């Protein structure tokens, strides 16, 4: 193992891989960040998304869906673990035994009090910069989803989806969702 970096040296993927397996570390611009385990409401939302996407992808195998913890290597100094991610069939070459090497097509982050600022600012900017096509920020406290289409706008959502609304994504043809089924308890 290499010696610990100095204060001015950025941590790398190599340093990240030296963290304990199963830990909730992520690497942002060369700095390690650790988050507590998500609360039960957060986990219920991820479960609901897994069921919705799973049923759809069984009938329409457009790509692969993964859930945290799953390492996404965006660059030498950025490794994230989105709550949910989708990689289109045409881009499955970015999948490797140790995670995803490149930007997923779709990322879903469920906001928690301890990570909301990180998700809405730092991670949103990283996703836009490194080529994620679409980001959903799912807010359990507002029962709202912010949908970003980074090809259209990186700084503002293209759609704010309230609990009763239906919506689609071009990344998963044939799938229509309601925010209510995502927030279902």
Foldseek 3Di string as FASTA:
>chain_A
DDDDDDPPDAAWPVNVVPPDPPFQWWFFQRDIDGDDDDDPLQVLLLVLVCVQVVVLCVVVVQFDKDAPPFWEALDGRGIHGAGMFTAGPVGCVQQDPRHGDFATQEGEHEDDPRCNVVVLPRVLVSNLVGPHQKYWYQYLVQLWIFICGSVVPSNGGPDIAHQADWDDDPSRPPRIDGSVSSSPD
